[in-house]
Amino acid sequence: MKTKNRKLSDIPLEVRAEEALKKAVADTIADHKRTGDPIVIWRDGKVVKIPADQIEVREPQTNYSVSSRGKK
């Protein structure tokens, strides 16, 4: 997680949780591609199976900032 020299405690818990979830999903998708297992997604109201050779692995992108609200 990129914190730009901030303490981890300065980043709200919900932002850290979302970052962890995005990383877990990205790791799982990469693992499926590596092992040759397809992934199943929901697209346009239907269940779609994506073959491993068509899986695109991307790093999760997070853009967050620490607001001064609630700080004492």
N, C-alpha and C. Protein backbone atom coordinates (compact mmCIF):
# COMPACT_ATOMS: atom_id res chain seq x y z
N MET A 1 0.84 -1.16 0.00
CA MET A 1 0.00 0.00 0.00
C MET A 1 0.89 1.23 0.00
N LYS A 2 0.56 2.18 -0.86
CA LYS A 2 1.35 3.39 -0.95
C LYS A 2 0.80 4.41 0.04
N THR A 3 1.61 4.78 1.01
CA THR A 3 1.13 5.70 2.05
C THR A 3 1.79 7.06 1.99
N LYS A 4 2.77 7.24 1.15
CA LYS A 4 3.48 8.52 1.03
C LYS A 4 3.94 9.04 2.38
N ASN A 5 4.68 8.21 3.11
CA ASN A 5 5.26 8.57 4.39
C ASN A 5 4.23 8.90 5.47
N ARG A 6 3.03 8.38 5.34
CA ARG A 6 2.02 8.56 6.38
C ARG A 6 1.99 7.32 7.25
N LYS A 7 1.54 7.50 8.47
CA LYS A 7 1.37 6.35 9.33
C LYS A 7 0.15 5.57 8.86
N LEU A 8 0.23 4.26 9.00
CA LEU A 8 -0.89 3.42 8.60
C LEU A 8 -2.15 3.80 9.36
N SER A 9 -2.00 4.23 10.59
CA SER A 9 -3.16 4.61 11.39
C SER A 9 -3.83 5.89 10.88
N ASP A 10 -3.15 6.65 10.01
CA ASP A 10 -3.75 7.85 9.43
C ASP A 10 -4.72 7.52 8.31
N ILE A 11 -4.65 6.31 7.79
CA ILE A 11 -5.53 5.89 6.70
C ILE A 11 -6.75 5.22 7.31
N PRO A 12 -7.95 5.67 6.94
CA PRO A 12 -9.17 5.11 7.54
C PRO A 12 -9.26 3.60 7.32
N LEU A 13 -9.85 2.94 8.30
CA LEU A 13 -9.98 1.48 8.25
C LEU A 13 -10.70 1.01 7.00
N GLU A 14 -11.77 1.71 6.60
CA GLU A 14 -12.52 1.27 5.42
C GLU A 14 -11.68 1.36 4.14
N VAL A 15 -10.78 2.31 4.09
CA VAL A 15 -9.89 2.45 2.93
C VAL A 15 -8.87 1.31 2.93
N ARG A 16 -8.32 1.00 4.11
CA ARG A 16 -7.38 -0.11 4.20
C ARG A 16 -8.05 -1.43 3.88
N ALA A 17 -9.31 -1.60 4.32
CA ALA A 17 -10.04 -2.84 4.04
C ALA A 17 -10.30 -2.98 2.55
N GLU A 18 -10.69 -1.89 1.90
CA GLU A 18 -10.93 -1.94 0.45
C GLU A 18 -9.64 -2.27 -0.31
N GLU A 19 -8.54 -1.68 0.11
CA GLU A 19 -7.23 -1.97 -0.49
C GLU A 19 -6.88 -3.45 -0.36
N ALA A 20 -7.10 -4.01 0.82
CA ALA A 20 -6.82 -5.43 1.05
C ALA A 20 -7.70 -6.31 0.18
N LEU A 21 -8.97 -5.96 0.04
CA LEU A 21 -9.88 -6.74 -0.79
C LEU A 21 -9.48 -6.69 -2.26
N LYS A 22 -9.13 -5.51 -2.74
CA LYS A 22 -8.69 -5.38 -4.14
C LYS A 22 -7.43 -6.21 -4.40
N LYS A 23 -6.50 -6.20 -3.45
CA LYS A 23 -5.27 -6.98 -3.62
C LYS A 23 -5.59 -8.47 -3.61
N ALA A 24 -6.49 -8.90 -2.73
CA ALA A 24 -6.86 -10.31 -2.66
C ALA A 24 -7.52 -10.77 -3.96
N VAL A 25 -8.38 -9.95 -4.53
CA VAL A 25 -9.03 -10.29 -5.79
C VAL A 25 -7.98 -10.36 -6.91
N ALA A 26 -7.09 -9.39 -6.98
CA ALA A 26 -6.05 -9.39 -8.00
C ALA A 26 -5.15 -10.62 -7.88
N ASP A 27 -4.79 -10.99 -6.65
CA ASP A 27 -3.96 -12.18 -6.43
C ASP A 27 -4.69 -13.45 -6.86
N THR A 28 -5.98 -13.52 -6.56
CA THR A 28 -6.77 -14.69 -6.93
C THR A 28 -6.92 -14.81 -8.44
N ILE A 29 -7.16 -13.70 -9.11
CA ILE A 29 -7.26 -13.72 -10.58
C ILE A 29 -5.94 -14.15 -11.19
N ALA A 30 -4.83 -13.62 -10.70
CA ALA A 30 -3.51 -14.00 -11.20
C ALA A 30 -3.25 -15.48 -10.96
N ASP A 31 -3.68 -15.99 -9.82
CA ASP A 31 -3.52 -17.41 -9.51
C ASP A 31 -4.32 -18.28 -10.47
N HIS A 32 -5.53 -17.88 -10.79
CA HIS A 32 -6.34 -18.62 -11.76
C HIS A 32 -5.67 -18.66 -13.13
N LYS A 33 -5.13 -17.54 -13.56
CA LYS A 33 -4.44 -17.51 -14.85
C LYS A 33 -3.23 -18.44 -14.82
N ARG A 34 -2.47 -18.37 -13.73
CA ARG A 34 -1.25 -19.19 -13.60
C ARG A 34 -1.57 -20.67 -13.61
N THR A 35 -2.64 -21.07 -12.94
CA THR A 35 -2.98 -22.50 -12.83
C THR A 35 -3.84 -23.00 -13.99
N GLY A 36 -4.31 -22.08 -14.83
CA GLY A 36 -5.12 -22.49 -15.98
C GLY A 36 -6.59 -22.66 -15.66
N ASP A 37 -7.01 -22.21 -14.49
CA ASP A 37 -8.42 -22.31 -14.10
C ASP A 37 -9.19 -21.09 -14.61
N PRO A 38 -10.40 -21.29 -15.12
CA PRO A 38 -11.20 -20.14 -15.56
C PRO A 38 -11.74 -19.37 -14.35
N ILE A 39 -12.18 -18.16 -14.59
CA ILE A 39 -12.89 -17.41 -13.56
C ILE A 39 -14.33 -17.23 -14.04
N VAL A 40 -15.21 -17.06 -13.09
CA VAL A 40 -16.63 -16.85 -13.40
C VAL A 40 -17.02 -15.49 -12.87
N ILE A 41 -17.63 -14.68 -13.75
CA ILE A 41 -18.02 -13.32 -13.38
C ILE A 41 -19.48 -13.09 -13.72
N TRP A 42 -20.01 -12.00 -13.22
CA TRP A 42 -21.37 -11.58 -13.53
C TRP A 42 -21.25 -10.41 -14.50
N ARG A 43 -21.81 -10.55 -15.72
CA ARG A 43 -21.72 -9.50 -16.74
C ARG A 43 -23.07 -9.35 -17.42
N ASP A 44 -23.60 -8.15 -17.43
CA ASP A 44 -24.86 -7.85 -18.10
C ASP A 44 -25.98 -8.78 -17.67
N GLY A 45 -26.06 -9.06 -16.38
CA GLY A 45 -27.13 -9.87 -15.84
C GLY A 45 -26.99 -11.36 -16.08
N LYS A 46 -25.82 -11.78 -16.53
CA LYS A 46 -25.59 -13.20 -16.80
C LYS A 46 -24.27 -13.66 -16.19
N VAL A 47 -24.20 -14.96 -15.90
CA VAL A 47 -22.96 -15.57 -15.43
C VAL A 47 -22.11 -15.88 -16.65
N VAL A 48 -20.85 -15.44 -16.63
CA VAL A 48 -19.95 -15.63 -17.77
C VAL A 48 -18.68 -16.31 -17.28
N LYS A 49 -18.26 -17.36 -17.98
CA LYS A 49 -17.03 -18.09 -17.66
C LYS A 49 -15.92 -17.56 -18.57
N ILE A 50 -14.84 -17.07 -17.95
CA ILE A 50 -13.69 -16.54 -18.70
C ILE A 50 -12.57 -17.57 -18.67
N PRO A 51 -12.19 -18.10 -19.84
CA PRO A 51 -11.08 -19.07 -19.86
C PRO A 51 -9.77 -18.42 -19.40
N ALA A 52 -8.90 -19.23 -18.83
CA ALA A 52 -7.65 -18.73 -18.26
C ALA A 52 -6.81 -17.97 -19.28
N ASP A 53 -6.84 -18.40 -20.54
CA ASP A 53 -6.01 -17.72 -21.55
C ASP A 53 -6.55 -16.34 -21.94
N GLN A 54 -7.76 -16.01 -21.50
CA GLN A 54 -8.34 -14.70 -21.79
C GLN A 54 -8.35 -13.78 -20.56
N ILE A 55 -7.83 -14.26 -19.44
CA ILE A 55 -7.81 -13.46 -18.22
C ILE A 55 -6.73 -12.40 -18.32
N GLU A 56 -7.11 -11.16 -18.04
CA GLU A 56 -6.15 -10.06 -18.00
C GLU A 56 -5.80 -9.78 -16.54
N VAL A 57 -4.53 -9.85 -16.22
CA VAL A 57 -4.09 -9.60 -14.85
C VAL A 57 -3.66 -8.14 -14.76
N ARG A 58 -4.28 -7.41 -13.84
CA ARG A 58 -3.94 -6.00 -13.61
C ARG A 58 -3.69 -5.78 -12.14
N GLU A 59 -2.81 -4.86 -11.85
CA GLU A 59 -2.56 -4.47 -10.46
C GLU A 59 -3.71 -3.57 -10.02
N PRO A 60 -4.19 -3.77 -8.79
CA PRO A 60 -5.26 -2.90 -8.32
C PRO A 60 -4.77 -1.46 -8.18
N GLN A 61 -5.60 -0.52 -8.57
CA GLN A 61 -5.25 0.89 -8.44
C GLN A 61 -6.09 1.50 -7.34
N THR A 62 -5.44 2.19 -6.46
CA THR A 62 -6.18 2.87 -5.40
C THR A 62 -5.73 4.32 -5.35
N ASN A 63 -6.69 5.16 -5.29
CA ASN A 63 -6.43 6.59 -5.12
C ASN A 63 -7.21 7.02 -3.90
N TYR A 64 -6.51 7.34 -2.85
CA TYR A 64 -7.19 7.76 -1.64
C TYR A 64 -6.42 8.90 -1.00
N SER A 65 -7.13 9.61 -0.20
CA SER A 65 -6.49 10.70 0.54
C SER A 65 -7.03 10.66 1.97
N VAL A 66 -6.29 11.25 2.84
CA VAL A 66 -6.67 11.31 4.24
C VAL A 66 -7.31 12.67 4.48
N SER A 67 -8.58 12.65 4.88
CA SER A 67 -9.25 13.93 5.14
C SER A 67 -8.91 14.40 6.56
N SER A 68 -9.08 15.67 6.77
CA SER A 68 -8.79 16.22 8.09
C SER A 68 -10.03 16.16 8.97
N ARG A 69 -11.16 15.72 8.45
CA ARG A 69 -12.38 15.63 9.25
C ARG A 69 -12.19 14.57 10.34
N GLY A 70 -12.69 14.85 11.48
CA GLY A 70 -12.65 13.90 12.57
C GLY A 70 -11.32 13.87 13.31
N LYS A 71 -10.30 14.52 12.82
CA LYS A 71 -9.01 14.56 13.51
C LYS A 71 -9.04 15.61 14.59
N LYS A 72 -8.50 15.29 15.73
CA LYS A 72 -8.47 16.26 16.84
C LYS A 72 -7.07 16.64 17.15
